[in-house]
Each structure stands twice: as C-alpha cells, then as structure tokens.
Amino acid sequence: EDERNSGGNWCPERNEKEKKEEERNRGVKRVNDTRKEKKKKKKETVA
C-alpha cells in the first residue's frame, strides 16, 4: 500500500472519476455511431 501511495499521483478517487468519465464518453460515442449508421442506412434505402 505504501509503495503505491509514494508514487504521489496514485489516488483511487481520481482513478474512479477518470473511469466514469471514460465510460460516459464511450457511451456517448457509441450512441453517435449508431445514429450515424441509421442515417447512412436511410440514405442508402432512398437512393
């Protein structure tokens, strides 16, 4: 435990925050991708 903390910047709370941020960003990206795919399909069916 002491070794990890002596690294200075290691902080479980910060890591949890960053993980949540990453997960949220990934979720948003996935939604955007699916929306793009739907738009593409619509264009294809019209053409």
PDB file of N, CA and C in Angstrom:
ATOM      1  N   GLU A   1       0.842  -1.205   0.000  1.00  0.00           N
ATOM      2  CA  GLU A   1       0.000   0.000   0.000  1.00  0.00           C
ATOM      3  C   GLU A   1       0.875   1.252   0.000  1.00  0.00           C
ATOM      4  N   ASP A   2       1.869   1.282   0.905  1.00  0.00           N
ATOM      5  CA  ASP A   2       2.713   2.470   0.999  1.00  0.00           C
ATOM      6  C   ASP A   2       3.436   2.727  -0.322  1.00  0.00           C
ATOM      7  N   GLU A   3       3.888   1.665  -0.965  1.00  0.00           N
ATOM      8  CA  GLU A   3       4.630   1.852  -2.219  1.00  0.00           C
ATOM      9  C   GLU A   3       3.775   2.570  -3.257  1.00  0.00           C
ATOM     10  N   ARG A   4       2.541   2.125  -3.407  1.00  0.00           N
ATOM     11  CA  ARG A   4       1.673   2.758  -4.398  1.00  0.00           C
ATOM     12  C   ARG A   4       1.455   4.233  -4.063  1.00  0.00           C
ATOM     13  N   ASN A   5       1.187   4.525  -2.792  1.00  0.00           N
ATOM     14  CA  ASN A   5       0.921   5.906  -2.409  1.00  0.00           C
ATOM     15  C   ASN A   5       2.165   6.777  -2.562  1.00  0.00           C
ATOM     16  N   SER A   6       3.350   6.197  -2.407  1.00  0.00           N
ATOM     17  CA  SER A   6       4.569   7.001  -2.518  1.00  0.00           C
ATOM     18  C   SER A   6       4.752   7.481  -3.955  1.00  0.00           C
ATOM     19  N   GLY A   7       4.038   6.886  -4.898  1.00  0.00           N
ATOM     20  CA  GLY A   7       4.118   7.349  -6.290  1.00  0.00           C
ATOM     21  C   GLY A   7       3.622   8.772  -6.417  1.00  0.00           C
ATOM     22  N   GLY A   8       2.858   9.227  -5.428  1.00  0.00           N
ATOM     23  CA  GLY A   8       2.435  10.615  -5.430  1.00  0.00           C
ATOM     24  C   GLY A   8       1.083  10.821  -6.088  1.00  0.00           C
ATOM     25  N   ASN A   9       0.996  10.527  -7.396  1.00  0.00           N
ATOM     26  CA  ASN A   9      -0.242  10.862  -8.111  1.00  0.00           C
ATOM     27  C   ASN A   9      -1.244   9.719  -8.054  1.00  0.00           C
ATOM     28  N   TRP A  10      -0.898   8.586  -7.450  1.00  0.00           N
ATOM     29  CA  TRP A  10      -1.854   7.479  -7.404  1.00  0.00           C
ATOM     30  C   TRP A  10      -2.935   7.810  -6.386  1.00  0.00           C
ATOM     31  N   CYS A  11      -4.176   7.854  -6.839  1.00  0.00           N
ATOM     32  CA  CYS A  11      -5.271   8.208  -5.939  1.00  0.00           C
ATOM     33  C   CYS A  11      -6.525   7.484  -6.411  1.00  0.00           C
ATOM     34  N   PRO A  12      -7.045   6.562  -5.610  1.00  0.00           N
ATOM     35  CA  PRO A  12      -8.200   5.761  -6.036  1.00  0.00           C
ATOM     36  C   PRO A  12      -9.383   6.630  -6.447  1.00  0.00           C
ATOM     37  N   GLU A  13      -9.629   7.699  -5.695  1.00  0.00           N
ATOM     38  CA  GLU A  13     -10.776   8.553  -6.036  1.00  0.00           C
ATOM     39  C   GLU A  13     -10.618   9.119  -7.443  1.00  0.00           C
ATOM     40  N   ARG A  14      -9.439   9.623  -7.765  1.00  0.00           N
ATOM     41  CA  ARG A  14      -9.210  10.202  -9.082  1.00  0.00           C
ATOM     42  C   ARG A  14      -9.384   9.123 -10.153  1.00  0.00           C
ATOM     43  N   ASN A  15      -8.860   7.930  -9.881  1.00  0.00           N
ATOM     44  CA  ASN A  15      -8.985   6.856 -10.860  1.00  0.00           C
ATOM     45  C   ASN A  15     -10.454   6.529 -11.107  1.00  0.00           C
ATOM     46  N   GLU A  16     -11.252   6.490 -10.049  1.00  0.00           N
ATOM     47  CA  GLU A  16     -12.684   6.204 -10.208  1.00  0.00           C
ATOM     48  C   GLU A  16     -13.322   7.277 -11.074  1.00  0.00           C
ATOM     49  N   LYS A  17     -13.009   8.544 -10.808  1.00  0.00           N
ATOM     50  CA  LYS A  17     -13.578   9.649 -11.600  1.00  0.00           C
ATOM     51  C   LYS A  17     -13.215   9.462 -13.069  1.00  0.00           C
ATOM     52  N   GLU A  18     -11.928   9.208 -13.324  1.00  0.00           N
ATOM     53  CA  GLU A  18     -11.486   9.068 -14.717  1.00  0.00           C
ATOM     54  C   GLU A  18     -12.185   7.899 -15.387  1.00  0.00           C
ATOM     55  N   LYS A  19     -12.346   6.787 -14.668  1.00  0.00           N
ATOM     56  CA  LYS A  19     -13.031   5.621 -15.241  1.00  0.00           C
ATOM     57  C   LYS A  19     -14.452   5.995 -15.637  1.00  0.00           C
ATOM     58  N   LYS A  20     -15.153   6.689 -14.733  1.00  0.00           N
ATOM     59  CA  LYS A  20     -16.543   7.079 -15.027  1.00  0.00           C
ATOM     60  C   LYS A  20     -16.572   7.986 -16.253  1.00  0.00           C
ATOM     61  N   GLU A  21     -15.641   8.950 -16.309  1.00  0.00           N
ATOM     62  CA  GLU A  21     -15.594   9.854 -17.464  1.00  0.00           C
ATOM     63  C   GLU A  21     -15.410   9.050 -18.739  1.00  0.00           C
ATOM     64  N   GLU A  22     -14.446   8.141 -18.741  1.00  0.00           N
ATOM     65  CA  GLU A  22     -14.167   7.338 -19.934  1.00  0.00           C
ATOM     66  C   GLU A  22     -15.404   6.545 -20.335  1.00  0.00           C
ATOM     67  N   GLU A  23     -16.044   5.916 -19.358  1.00  0.00           N
ATOM     68  CA  GLU A  23     -17.228   5.113 -19.671  1.00  0.00           C
ATOM     69  C   GLU A  23     -18.316   5.987 -20.280  1.00  0.00           C
ATOM     70  N   ARG A  24     -18.516   7.187 -19.712  1.00  0.00           N
ATOM     71  CA  ARG A  24     -19.552   8.074 -20.229  1.00  0.00           C
ATOM     72  C   ARG A  24     -19.204   8.488 -21.660  1.00  0.00           C
ATOM     73  N   ASN A  25     -17.950   8.855 -21.877  1.00  0.00           N
ATOM     74  CA  ASN A  25     -17.536   9.264 -23.224  1.00  0.00           C
ATOM     75  C   ASN A  25     -17.726   8.116 -24.209  1.00  0.00           C
ATOM     76  N   ARG A  26     -17.387   6.908 -23.794  1.00  0.00           N
ATOM     77  CA  ARG A  26     -17.536   5.757 -24.679  1.00  0.00           C
ATOM     78  C   ARG A  26     -19.013   5.557 -25.013  1.00  0.00           C
ATOM     79  N   GLY A  27     -19.868   5.673 -23.999  1.00  0.00           N
ATOM     80  CA  GLY A  27     -21.302   5.508 -24.233  1.00  0.00           C
ATOM     81  C   GLY A  27     -21.803   6.537 -25.236  1.00  0.00           C
ATOM     82  N   VAL A  28     -21.392   7.791 -25.065  1.00  0.00           N
ATOM     83  CA  VAL A  28     -21.823   8.844 -25.986  1.00  0.00           C
ATOM     84  C   VAL A  28     -21.344   8.518 -27.391  1.00  0.00           C
ATOM     85  N   LYS A  29     -20.093   8.096 -27.512  1.00  0.00           N
ATOM     86  CA  LYS A  29     -19.542   7.789 -28.837  1.00  0.00           C
ATOM     87  C   LYS A  29     -20.349   6.669 -29.483  1.00  0.00           C
ATOM     88  N   ARG A  30     -20.698   5.655 -28.699  1.00  0.00           N
ATOM     89  CA  ARG A  30     -21.442   4.528 -29.259  1.00  0.00           C
ATOM     90  C   ARG A  30     -22.788   5.012 -29.772  1.00  0.00           C
ATOM     91  N   VAL A  31     -23.457   5.870 -29.004  1.00  0.00           N
ATOM     92  CA  VAL A  31     -24.764   6.395 -29.438  1.00  0.00           C
ATOM     93  C   VAL A  31     -24.598   7.163 -30.738  1.00  0.00           C
ATOM     94  N   ASN A  32     -23.582   8.016 -30.800  1.00  0.00           N
ATOM     95  CA  ASN A  32     -23.354   8.793 -32.015  1.00  0.00           C
ATOM     96  C   ASN A  32     -23.102   7.868 -33.199  1.00  0.00           C
ATOM     97  N   ASP A  33     -22.314   6.824 -32.993  1.00  0.00           N
ATOM     98  CA  ASP A  33     -22.022   5.890 -34.081  1.00  0.00           C
ATOM     99  C   ASP A  33     -23.299   5.240 -34.576  1.00  0.00           C
ATOM    100  N   THR A  34     -24.161   4.790 -33.668  1.00  0.00           N
ATOM    101  CA  THR A  34     -25.389   4.126 -34.108  1.00  0.00           C
ATOM    102  C   THR A  34     -26.264   5.115 -34.865  1.00  0.00           C
ATOM    103  N   ARG A  35     -26.306   6.371 -34.418  1.00  0.00           N
ATOM    104  CA  ARG A  35     -27.104   7.372 -35.131  1.00  0.00           C
ATOM    105  C   ARG A  35     -26.561   7.543 -36.539  1.00  0.00           C
ATOM    106  N   LYS A  36     -25.257   7.639 -36.672  1.00  0.00           N
ATOM    107  CA  LYS A  36     -24.645   7.783 -38.000  1.00  0.00           C
ATOM    108  C   LYS A  36     -25.017   6.596 -38.873  1.00  0.00           C
ATOM    109  N   GLU A  37     -24.929   5.401 -38.308  1.00  0.00           N
ATOM    110  CA  GLU A  37     -25.253   4.195 -39.081  1.00  0.00           C
ATOM    111  C   GLU A  37     -26.702   4.266 -39.567  1.00  0.00           C
ATOM    112  N   LYS A  38     -27.621   4.669 -38.702  1.00  0.00           N
ATOM    113  CA  LYS A  38     -29.030   4.755 -39.094  1.00  0.00           C
ATOM    114  C   LYS A  38     -29.191   5.750 -40.242  1.00  0.00           C
ATOM    115  N   LYS A  39     -28.533   6.907 -40.135  1.00  0.00           N
ATOM    116  CA  LYS A  39     -28.625   7.910 -41.202  1.00  0.00           C
ATOM    117  C   LYS A  39     -28.103   7.320 -42.506  1.00  0.00           C
ATOM    118  N   LYS A  40     -26.973   6.635 -42.444  1.00  0.00           N
ATOM    119  CA  LYS A  40     -26.390   6.016 -43.652  1.00  0.00           C
ATOM    120  C   LYS A  40     -27.413   5.070 -44.283  1.00  0.00           C
ATOM    121  N   LYS A  41     -28.001   4.212 -43.462  1.00  0.00           N
ATOM    122  CA  LYS A  41     -28.961   3.231 -43.989  1.00  0.00           C
ATOM    123  C   LYS A  41     -30.129   3.942 -44.651  1.00  0.00           C
ATOM    124  N   LYS A  42     -30.629   5.005 -44.013  1.00  0.00           N
ATOM    125  CA  LYS A  42     -31.753   5.742 -44.598  1.00  0.00           C
ATOM    126  C   LYS A  42     -31.367   6.255 -45.981  1.00  0.00           C
ATOM    127  N   LYS A  43     -30.196   6.884 -46.077  1.00  0.00           N
ATOM    128  CA  LYS A  43     -29.738   7.414 -47.367  1.00  0.00           C
ATOM    129  C   LYS A  43     -29.663   6.296 -48.396  1.00  0.00           C
ATOM    130  N   GLU A  44     -29.133   5.153 -47.992  1.00  0.00           N
ATOM    131  CA  GLU A  44     -28.987   4.037 -48.929  1.00  0.00           C
ATOM    132  C   GLU A  44     -30.354   3.571 -49.437  1.00  0.00           C
ATOM    133  N   THR A  45     -31.326   3.463 -48.549  1.00  0.00           N
ATOM    134  CA  THR A  45     -32.644   2.979 -48.976  1.00  0.00           C
ATOM    135  C   THR A  45     -33.302   3.994 -49.895  1.00  0.00           C
ATOM    136  N   VAL A  46     -33.095   5.291 -49.632  1.00  0.00           N
ATOM    137  CA  VAL A  46     -33.692   6.320 -50.500  1.00  0.00           C
ATOM    138  C   VAL A  46     -33.057   6.255 -51.875  1.00  0.00           C
ATOM    139  N   ALA A  47     -31.732   6.091 -51.930  1.00  0.00           N
ATOM    140  CA  ALA A  47     -31.024   6.073 -53.214  1.00  0.00           C
ATOM    141  C   ALA A  47     -31.215   4.756 -53.930  1.00  0.00           C
TER     142      ALA A  47
END
